[in-house]
Amino acid sequence: MNRKLILTLAALFVLAGGTAYYLVERSHLHAHAEGHEAHGHTATTAESARGPHGGRLLVDGDVSLELAIFEKGVPPEFRAWLTVAGQPVAPADVKLSVTLQRPNGVTDHFTFAPEGDYARGLDEVYEPHSFDYAIVAEHGGRTMRWSFAAPEMQTTLPPSVAQRAGVVSEEAGPATLAETLTVYGHIRLNANRVARAAPRFGGIVRAAHKALGDPVTAGEVVALVETNQSLVTIEVIAPLDGVVIDRDVNPGETVADGAALYTIADFREVWLDLNIPKREHARVKVGQTVTIHADDGGATAHGIVAWLSPFSSADAQTATARVYLPNPDQRWRPGLFVKADLLLAEHPVAVAVKESALQTLYDFTVVFSQHGDLYQARPLELGRRSRGFVEVRKGLNAGERYVTENSFLIKADIGKSSASHDH
């Protein structure tokens, strides 16, 4: 059994142990909570009365207020109906205000205006709809007040249980997200670093010192040729440092003036030719940064787009973007296929979270914010994604803590609780 396999199995055992501990502890905590509920200590979780419009029904003597969150075809908004002694009251005759205290300490205040047969809240009731209510209604010289808790998509977890289960949280904050384009290409010889060793005059080859694959240095004698005209033996020298990649010479052969006896290439810099799809031609520019990945999943490197071909491939409808790639250890061999990420732009965002923290809950994409031992599902409006992070456009503020590891445990616990997504 190799070391990598042993470490992998050890990690799985640790994860399984943490999960098992979490499940056992949470089972105990739920049983404890259910015992309290049986004794009437969890009134906030009891089913509330509902009015004819599906909203929560609040009663004070002969006054009834139905308050609903309406969100069919519109952003979530409050709608309210007031009755006195069973008779509807005109919305214009009621002064109504609702104050919401959220788990993260944010307070939202709502005023209302008449609309049809109901009073409508003037601001959006954004998710999550989990808060403590304080409601004031004034009518006919009377003032009615109601307050109650309406938790939704949340659970509590003692710090000791969270730690042993591997639940980790971090602060959300600003980030710079890269907009990249993934393309493919192949390594080529740098044509500017390929040269041929050739005699100025033709004649008989008396010696050929280099074999295919041999290294050479600039100025080194690689062959001797006895010229036809003067019968003088001349030296053929290597024009640059490099490696012999082609040999077309043997002693005793007759060669013409300027015949290429050896082709020598310097591999210390190669070309990477990337295939840019037609739809992306306008987005790729000289000077953009490129991160290169070997096709075998091994080495990576960085370079710059140095040249864009003015032509496109008629067959593949692609254009070539060329990167001059340093290759001192000759890791990037000509002919190798590679994948590359072109950096098209960088976008600073005010809030970003780890993609691995995202969960799906009641048709929402959420993270779980932490407020002491309370964990609250936070539906998010997401934007750009890059390198394991995703922009949060709405739903979480910079500086708020959210669960980054083992968030699935929090999701599972909320799924078992009564604090579901229900208005």
Protein backbone atom coordinates (compact mmCIF):
# COMPACT_ATOMS: atom_id res chain seq x y z
CA MET A 1 0.00 0.00 0.00
CA ASN A 2 1.60 3.28 -1.06
CA ARG A 3 1.85 6.39 1.08
CA LYS A 4 -0.73 8.38 -0.93
CA LEU A 5 -3.35 5.65 -0.48
CA ILE A 6 -2.65 5.45 3.27
CA LEU A 7 -3.10 9.23 3.63
CA THR A 8 -6.31 9.15 1.59
CA LEU A 9 -7.79 6.38 3.74
CA ALA A 10 -6.76 8.23 6.90
CA ALA A 11 -8.50 11.39 5.69
CA LEU A 12 -11.68 9.43 4.93
CA PHE A 13 -11.67 7.88 8.40
CA VAL A 14 -11.27 11.33 9.99
CA LEU A 15 -14.15 12.75 7.92
CA ALA A 16 -16.34 9.77 8.70
CA GLY A 17 -15.55 10.06 12.39
CA GLY A 18 -16.39 13.77 12.45
CA THR A 19 -19.65 13.19 10.59
CA ALA A 20 -20.63 10.35 12.89
CA TYR A 21 -19.89 12.49 15.94
CA TYR A 22 -21.99 15.31 14.51
CA LEU A 23 -24.94 13.01 13.81
CA VAL A 24 -24.83 11.47 17.27
CA GLU A 25 -24.54 14.85 18.99
CA ARG A 26 -27.26 16.44 16.88
CA SER A 27 -29.55 13.48 17.51
CA HIS A 28 -29.08 14.05 21.24
CA LEU A 29 -29.68 17.79 20.89
CA HIS A 30 -32.86 17.30 18.84
CA ALA A 31 -34.17 14.82 21.39
CA HIS A 32 -33.44 17.36 24.13
CA ALA A 33 -35.23 20.10 22.19
CA GLU A 34 -38.24 17.90 21.49
CA GLY A 35 -38.50 17.24 25.22
CA HIS A 36 -38.72 20.99 25.86
CA GLU A 37 -41.30 21.41 23.13
CA ALA A 38 -43.50 18.82 24.79
CA HIS A 39 -43.48 21.01 27.88
CA GLY A 40 -44.50 24.09 25.91
CA HIS A 41 -41.20 26.02 25.94
CA THR A 42 -40.92 26.51 22.14
CA ALA A 43 -44.00 28.57 21.39
CA THR A 44 -42.24 30.37 18.52
CA THR A 45 -42.20 27.10 16.53
CA ALA A 46 -45.90 26.41 16.97
CA GLU A 47 -48.15 26.61 13.91
CA SER A 48 -49.58 30.14 13.69
CA ALA A 49 -53.15 30.95 12.69
CA ARG A 50 -53.67 31.83 9.04
CA GLY A 51 -55.98 34.36 7.48
CA PRO A 52 -58.04 34.09 4.28
CA HIS A 53 -55.11 35.40 2.18
CA GLY A 54 -52.64 32.85 3.59
CA GLY A 55 -50.91 35.32 5.88
CA ARG A 56 -50.24 35.16 9.62
CA LEU A 57 -53.34 36.16 11.63
CA LEU A 58 -52.75 38.44 14.64
CA VAL A 59 -55.59 39.23 17.05
CA ASP A 60 -56.09 41.92 19.70
CA GLY A 61 -59.63 41.84 21.07
CA ASP A 62 -62.02 42.39 18.18
CA VAL A 63 -59.16 43.61 15.91
CA SER A 64 -57.52 41.14 13.52
CA LEU A 65 -54.51 41.87 11.35
CA GLU A 66 -53.49 39.48 8.60
CA LEU A 67 -49.87 40.00 7.50
CA ALA A 68 -48.49 38.11 4.50
CA ILE A 69 -45.29 38.11 2.47
CA PHE A 70 -46.40 38.13 -1.16
CA GLU A 71 -43.90 37.15 -3.84
CA LYS A 72 -45.79 35.82 -6.85
CA GLY A 73 -44.44 37.67 -9.87
CA VAL A 74 -42.99 40.51 -7.77
CA PRO A 75 -40.10 40.92 -5.32
CA PRO A 76 -41.23 39.80 -1.84
CA GLU A 77 -43.40 42.47 -0.20
CA PHE A 78 -45.65 42.77 2.83
CA ARG A 79 -49.43 42.89 2.35
CA ALA A 80 -51.81 43.49 5.24
CA TRP A 81 -55.56 43.40 5.87
CA LEU A 82 -57.21 44.79 9.02
CA THR A 83 -60.67 43.89 10.30
CA VAL A 84 -62.62 45.18 13.31
CA ALA A 85 -65.42 43.02 14.66
CA GLY A 86 -65.15 40.94 11.51
CA GLN A 87 -65.60 43.93 9.17
CA PRO A 88 -62.79 44.98 6.78
CA VAL A 89 -61.16 48.35 7.41
CA ALA A 90 -60.12 50.55 4.50
CA PRO A 91 -56.31 50.46 4.18
CA ALA A 92 -56.21 54.27 4.11
CA ASP A 93 -57.68 54.34 7.63
CA VAL A 94 -54.86 52.28 9.13
CA LYS A 95 -51.35 53.38 10.06
CA LEU A 96 -49.17 50.32 10.04
CA SER A 97 -45.46 49.74 10.61
CA VAL A 98 -43.39 46.55 10.79
CA THR A 99 -39.88 46.30 12.23
CA LEU A 100 -37.78 43.20 11.59
CA GLN A 101 -34.73 42.19 13.60
CA ARG A 102 -32.53 39.76 11.65
CA PRO A 103 -30.07 37.22 13.11
CA ASN A 104 -27.09 39.24 11.85
CA GLY A 105 -28.21 42.27 13.86
CA VAL A 106 -29.66 44.20 10.91
CA THR A 107 -32.97 45.99 11.57
CA ASP A 108 -35.41 46.62 8.71
CA HIS A 109 -38.30 49.08 9.10
CA PHE A 110 -41.35 49.01 6.81
CA THR A 111 -44.10 51.55 6.25
CA PHE A 112 -47.27 50.85 4.28
CA ALA A 113 -49.46 52.53 1.70
CA PRO A 114 -53.03 51.65 0.62
CA GLU A 115 -53.40 49.63 -2.56
CA GLY A 116 -56.76 48.14 -3.47
CA ASP A 117 -58.20 46.30 -0.48
CA TYR A 118 -54.87 45.90 1.32
CA ALA A 119 -51.94 47.90 2.66
CA ARG A 120 -48.67 47.22 0.84
CA GLY A 121 -45.18 47.46 2.34
CA LEU A 122 -43.08 49.98 0.46
CA ASP A 123 -39.80 48.02 0.47
CA GLU A 124 -38.68 44.56 -0.56
CA VAL A 125 -38.59 41.88 2.15
CA TYR A 126 -35.34 40.27 1.11
CA GLU A 127 -34.35 36.70 1.94
CA PRO A 128 -33.96 35.02 4.31
CA HIS A 129 -37.39 35.62 5.79
CA SER A 130 -36.12 34.81 9.25
CA PHE A 131 -36.53 37.52 11.84
CA ASP A 132 -38.22 38.80 15.01
CA TYR A 133 -41.32 40.90 14.29
CA ALA A 134 -42.44 44.09 16.03
CA ILE A 135 -45.74 45.34 14.56
CA VAL A 136 -47.67 48.51 15.38
CA ALA A 137 -51.15 49.22 13.95
CA GLU A 138 -53.13 52.39 14.67
CA HIS A 139 -56.85 52.74 13.88
CA GLY A 140 -59.71 54.73 15.37
CA GLY A 141 -57.64 56.04 18.22
CA ARG A 142 -56.47 52.56 19.21
CA THR A 143 -52.92 51.25 19.02
CA MET A 144 -52.29 47.51 18.67
CA ARG A 145 -48.86 45.90 19.10
CA TRP A 146 -47.67 42.41 18.29
CA SER A 147 -44.24 40.83 18.54
CA PHE A 148 -43.12 37.31 17.81
CA ALA A 149 -40.21 35.33 16.41
CA ALA A 150 -40.41 33.71 12.97
CA PRO A 151 -37.23 31.66 12.45
CA GLU A 152 -36.69 30.18 9.03
CA MET A 153 -33.93 28.00 7.53
CA GLN A 154 -31.75 28.14 10.63
CA THR A 155 -30.36 25.88 13.32
CA THR A 156 -28.16 26.08 16.39
CA LEU A 157 -24.95 24.18 16.96
CA PRO A 158 -22.83 24.37 20.13
CA PRO A 159 -19.20 25.33 19.45
CA SER A 160 -17.89 22.03 20.79
CA VAL A 161 -20.08 20.05 18.38
CA ALA A 162 -19.15 22.32 15.46
CA GLN A 163 -15.44 21.93 16.20
CA ARG A 164 -15.52 18.15 16.46
CA ALA A 165 -17.65 17.83 13.32
CA GLY A 166 -15.17 19.97 11.35
CA VAL A 167 -17.56 22.86 10.73
CA VAL A 168 -15.36 25.85 9.87
CA SER A 169 -16.40 29.42 9.14
CA GLU A 170 -14.59 32.40 7.63
CA GLU A 171 -15.37 36.04 6.90
CA ALA A 172 -16.78 36.97 3.52
CA GLY A 173 -14.93 39.85 1.95
CA PRO A 174 -13.77 41.59 -1.21
CA ALA A 175 -11.83 39.74 -3.87
CA THR A 176 -10.47 40.17 -7.37
CA LEU A 177 -11.99 37.62 -9.72
CA ALA A 178 -10.27 36.72 -12.95
CA GLU A 179 -12.22 36.39 -16.19
CA THR A 180 -10.43 33.68 -18.14
CA LEU A 181 -10.77 31.84 -21.43
CA THR A 182 -9.67 28.21 -21.59
CA VAL A 183 -8.15 27.19 -24.93
CA TYR A 184 -5.90 24.46 -26.27
CA GLY A 185 -2.75 24.47 -28.34
CA HIS A 186 0.59 22.82 -28.91
CA ILE A 187 4.28 23.50 -28.39
CA ARG A 188 6.38 24.36 -31.44
CA LEU A 189 10.02 25.08 -32.12
CA ASN A 190 10.83 28.76 -31.96
CA ALA A 191 11.63 29.45 -35.63
CA ASN A 192 13.91 32.29 -34.55
CA ARG A 193 16.08 29.78 -32.69
CA VAL A 194 16.49 27.20 -35.45
CA ALA A 195 19.50 27.35 -37.80
CA ARG A 196 21.39 25.15 -40.27
CA ALA A 197 25.08 24.35 -40.36
CA ALA A 198 26.11 24.50 -44.03
CA PRO A 199 29.40 24.85 -46.02
CA ARG A 200 29.79 27.96 -48.12
CA PHE A 201 31.27 25.88 -50.95
CA GLY A 202 30.33 22.39 -52.08
CA GLY A 203 32.64 19.39 -52.02
CA ILE A 204 33.33 16.04 -50.39
CA VAL A 205 32.49 15.57 -46.74
CA ARG A 206 35.65 14.40 -44.97
CA ALA A 207 34.21 14.32 -41.41
CA ALA A 208 30.82 14.61 -39.68
CA HIS A 209 31.32 15.04 -35.95
CA LYS A 210 27.75 15.21 -34.64
CA ALA A 211 24.93 12.70 -34.40
CA LEU A 212 21.20 13.33 -34.17
CA GLY A 213 20.36 14.63 -30.70
CA ASP A 214 23.89 15.78 -29.83
CA PRO A 215 24.27 19.15 -28.09
CA VAL A 216 26.40 21.77 -29.82
CA THR A 217 27.69 25.23 -28.97
CA ALA A 218 27.88 28.24 -31.24
CA GLY A 219 31.18 28.21 -33.23
CA GLU A 220 31.81 24.52 -32.67
CA VAL A 221 33.14 22.60 -35.74
CA VAL A 222 30.53 20.02 -36.71
CA ALA A 223 31.91 18.86 -40.10
CA LEU A 224 34.84 19.11 -42.55
CA VAL A 225 34.34 19.56 -46.30
CA GLU A 226 37.01 19.41 -49.01
CA THR A 227 35.94 21.95 -51.62
CA ASN A 228 35.62 20.97 -55.26
CA GLN A 229 37.41 24.01 -56.65
CA SER A 230 40.47 24.44 -54.48
CA LEU A 231 40.58 21.06 -52.71
CA VAL A 232 40.93 23.02 -49.48
CA THR A 233 39.33 21.53 -46.40
CA ILE A 234 36.98 23.98 -44.75
CA GLU A 235 35.29 23.82 -41.39
CA VAL A 236 31.51 23.82 -41.02
CA ILE A 237 30.57 25.44 -37.71
CA ALA A 238 27.41 25.49 -35.58
CA PRO A 239 25.66 28.88 -35.89
CA LEU A 240 24.08 28.75 -32.39
CA ASP A 241 23.87 26.81 -29.16
CA GLY A 242 21.39 23.99 -29.31
CA VAL A 243 20.67 20.37 -30.17
CA VAL A 244 20.99 18.60 -33.51
CA ILE A 245 17.44 17.86 -34.63
CA ASP A 246 18.23 16.83 -38.21
CA ARG A 247 21.37 15.39 -39.85
CA ASP A 248 21.71 15.10 -43.63
CA VAL A 249 25.40 14.26 -44.01
CA ASN A 250 27.78 11.30 -44.02
CA PRO A 251 31.54 11.19 -44.63
CA GLY A 252 32.41 10.64 -48.29
CA GLU A 253 29.25 12.24 -49.65
CA THR A 254 29.36 15.14 -52.05
CA VAL A 255 27.37 18.16 -51.00
CA ALA A 256 26.38 21.30 -52.87
CA ASP A 257 27.20 24.90 -52.01
CA GLY A 258 25.19 25.92 -48.94
CA ALA A 259 23.69 22.46 -48.37
CA ALA A 260 22.25 22.02 -44.88
CA LEU A 261 24.32 19.35 -43.19
CA TYR A 262 22.79 19.79 -39.73
CA THR A 263 19.69 21.51 -38.39
CA ILE A 264 20.21 22.85 -34.89
CA ALA A 265 17.51 24.08 -32.54
CA ASP A 266 17.77 26.03 -29.30
CA PHE A 267 15.07 24.63 -26.96
CA ARG A 268 15.60 27.19 -24.20
CA GLU A 269 12.63 29.12 -25.58
CA VAL A 270 9.76 27.59 -27.54
CA TRP A 271 6.53 28.79 -29.08
CA LEU A 272 3.11 27.92 -27.76
CA ASP A 273 0.51 28.29 -30.49
CA LEU A 274 -2.99 28.53 -29.02
CA ASN A 275 -6.15 27.92 -31.04
CA ILE A 276 -8.62 30.75 -30.44
CA PRO A 277 -12.24 29.94 -31.44
CA LYS A 278 -13.89 32.32 -33.87
CA ARG A 279 -16.40 33.66 -31.31
CA GLU A 280 -13.53 34.70 -29.01
CA HIS A 281 -11.24 36.41 -31.56
CA ALA A 282 -12.17 39.93 -30.46
CA ARG A 283 -11.50 39.25 -26.77
CA VAL A 284 -7.92 38.01 -27.11
CA LYS A 285 -5.23 40.70 -27.20
CA VAL A 286 -1.45 40.91 -27.33
CA GLY A 287 -0.08 41.33 -23.82
CA GLN A 288 -2.64 39.17 -22.01
CA THR A 289 -1.31 36.79 -19.38
CA VAL A 290 -1.52 33.05 -20.02
CA THR A 291 -1.33 30.17 -17.55
CA ILE A 292 -0.25 26.97 -19.29
CA HIS A 293 -1.04 23.44 -18.11
CA ALA A 294 0.63 20.32 -19.51
CA ASP A 295 -1.83 17.88 -21.06
CA ASP A 296 -0.60 15.18 -18.66
CA GLY A 297 -1.68 17.28 -15.67
CA GLY A 298 1.91 17.98 -14.64
CA ALA A 299 3.81 21.23 -14.99
CA THR A 300 2.36 24.71 -15.26
CA ALA A 301 3.94 27.88 -16.57
CA HIS A 302 3.07 31.49 -17.28
CA GLY A 303 3.56 33.59 -20.37
CA ILE A 304 2.30 36.54 -22.39
CA VAL A 305 0.47 36.62 -25.72
CA ALA A 306 3.18 38.02 -27.98
CA TRP A 307 1.60 37.68 -31.42
CA LEU A 308 -1.79 37.16 -33.02
CA SER A 309 -2.02 35.67 -36.48
CA PRO A 310 -3.78 37.89 -39.04
CA PHE A 311 -5.20 34.73 -40.63
CA SER A 312 -7.71 32.14 -39.46
CA SER A 313 -7.86 28.43 -40.14
CA ALA A 314 -10.37 27.80 -42.91
CA ASP A 315 -11.13 24.32 -41.59
CA ALA A 316 -11.29 24.86 -37.84
CA GLN A 317 -12.22 28.57 -37.93
CA THR A 318 -9.61 29.33 -35.29
CA ALA A 319 -6.92 31.98 -35.05
CA THR A 320 -3.45 31.50 -33.56
CA ALA A 321 -2.27 33.34 -30.47
CA ARG A 322 1.43 32.80 -29.86
CA VAL A 323 3.24 32.76 -26.54
CA TYR A 324 7.04 32.84 -26.26
CA LEU A 325 7.60 30.28 -23.54
CA PRO A 326 10.90 30.05 -21.60
CA ASN A 327 12.01 26.42 -21.48
CA PRO A 328 15.34 26.22 -19.61
CA ASP A 329 14.79 22.65 -18.41
CA GLN A 330 13.26 21.54 -21.75
CA ARG A 331 10.06 20.48 -19.98
CA TRP A 332 7.94 21.85 -22.82
CA ARG A 333 8.75 19.62 -25.76
CA PRO A 334 7.69 20.59 -29.28
CA GLY A 335 4.63 18.61 -30.33
CA LEU A 336 3.19 18.52 -26.80
CA PHE A 337 -0.50 19.43 -26.56
CA VAL A 338 -1.42 21.77 -23.68
CA LYS A 339 -4.34 23.60 -22.12
CA ALA A 340 -4.07 27.28 -21.30
CA ASP A 341 -6.13 29.89 -19.44
CA LEU A 342 -5.99 33.37 -20.95
CA LEU A 343 -6.61 36.19 -18.49
CA LEU A 344 -9.10 38.42 -20.30
CA ALA A 345 -9.86 40.78 -17.41
CA GLU A 346 -9.80 41.13 -13.63
CA HIS A 347 -12.87 42.28 -11.74
CA PRO A 348 -12.73 43.53 -8.14
CA VAL A 349 -15.91 42.56 -6.26
CA ALA A 350 -17.15 43.77 -2.89
CA VAL A 351 -18.09 40.33 -1.56
CA ALA A 352 -16.99 36.84 -2.59
CA VAL A 353 -17.39 33.40 -1.01
CA LYS A 354 -15.85 30.02 -1.66
CA GLU A 355 -17.73 27.96 -4.22
CA SER A 356 -17.24 24.90 -2.03
CA ALA A 357 -19.40 26.57 0.65
CA LEU A 358 -22.49 26.77 -1.57
CA GLN A 359 -25.46 24.50 -0.91
CA THR A 360 -28.93 24.17 -2.44
CA LEU A 361 -31.80 24.51 0.05
CA TYR A 362 -35.50 24.87 -0.82
CA ASP A 363 -34.64 25.88 -4.40
CA PHE A 364 -32.21 28.56 -3.14
CA THR A 365 -28.45 28.65 -3.54
CA VAL A 366 -27.24 29.46 -0.04
CA VAL A 367 -24.35 29.73 2.34
CA PHE A 368 -24.81 29.46 6.08
CA SER A 369 -23.89 32.56 8.05
CA GLN A 370 -22.73 32.07 11.62
CA HIS A 371 -23.96 34.20 14.52
CA GLY A 372 -22.51 32.63 17.64
CA ASP A 373 -24.05 29.18 17.82
CA LEU A 374 -26.83 30.12 15.37
CA TYR A 375 -26.43 29.19 11.69
CA GLN A 376 -28.71 30.92 9.20
CA ALA A 377 -29.23 29.94 5.55
CA ARG A 378 -28.63 32.97 3.34
CA PRO A 379 -30.06 32.79 -0.20
CA LEU A 380 -27.61 34.47 -2.56
CA GLU A 381 -27.66 36.26 -5.86
CA LEU A 382 -24.39 35.24 -7.47
CA GLY A 383 -22.21 36.76 -10.16
CA ARG A 384 -18.81 35.95 -11.59
CA ARG A 385 -16.89 32.80 -10.69
CA SER A 386 -13.15 32.33 -10.72
CA ARG A 387 -10.60 29.97 -9.21
CA GLY A 388 -12.88 28.55 -6.54
CA PHE A 389 -14.58 31.83 -5.55
CA VAL A 390 -17.90 33.35 -6.60
CA GLU A 391 -19.15 36.92 -6.42
CA VAL A 392 -22.07 37.64 -4.09
CA ARG A 393 -24.23 40.38 -5.53
CA LYS A 394 -26.95 40.12 -2.92
CA GLY A 395 -27.60 38.16 0.26
CA LEU A 396 -24.39 38.42 2.34
CA ASN A 397 -22.30 41.36 3.49
CA ALA A 398 -18.55 41.74 3.73
CA GLY A 399 -17.33 40.86 7.21
CA GLU A 400 -20.07 38.31 7.93
CA ARG A 401 -18.90 34.82 8.84
CA TYR A 402 -20.13 31.90 6.76
CA VAL A 403 -19.49 28.17 6.87
CA THR A 404 -16.71 27.15 4.49
CA GLU A 405 -16.17 23.50 5.46
CA ASN A 406 -18.74 20.75 6.07
CA SER A 407 -21.64 23.06 5.26
CA PHE A 408 -23.61 19.99 4.19
CA LEU A 409 -23.97 19.11 7.89
CA ILE A 410 -25.73 22.42 8.57
CA LYS A 411 -27.97 21.85 5.57
CA ALA A 412 -28.91 18.39 6.82
CA ASP A 413 -29.74 19.75 10.26
CA ILE A 414 -31.96 22.52 8.90
CA GLY A 415 -33.72 19.94 6.74
CA LYS A 416 -34.68 18.05 9.92
CA SER A 417 -35.86 21.13 11.81
CA SER A 418 -39.23 22.87 11.72
CA ALA A 419 -37.74 26.19 10.63
CA SER A 420 -38.36 25.59 6.94
CA HIS A 421 -39.05 28.09 4.19
CA ASP A 422 -42.67 28.92 5.03
CA HIS A 423 -44.33 32.34 5.21
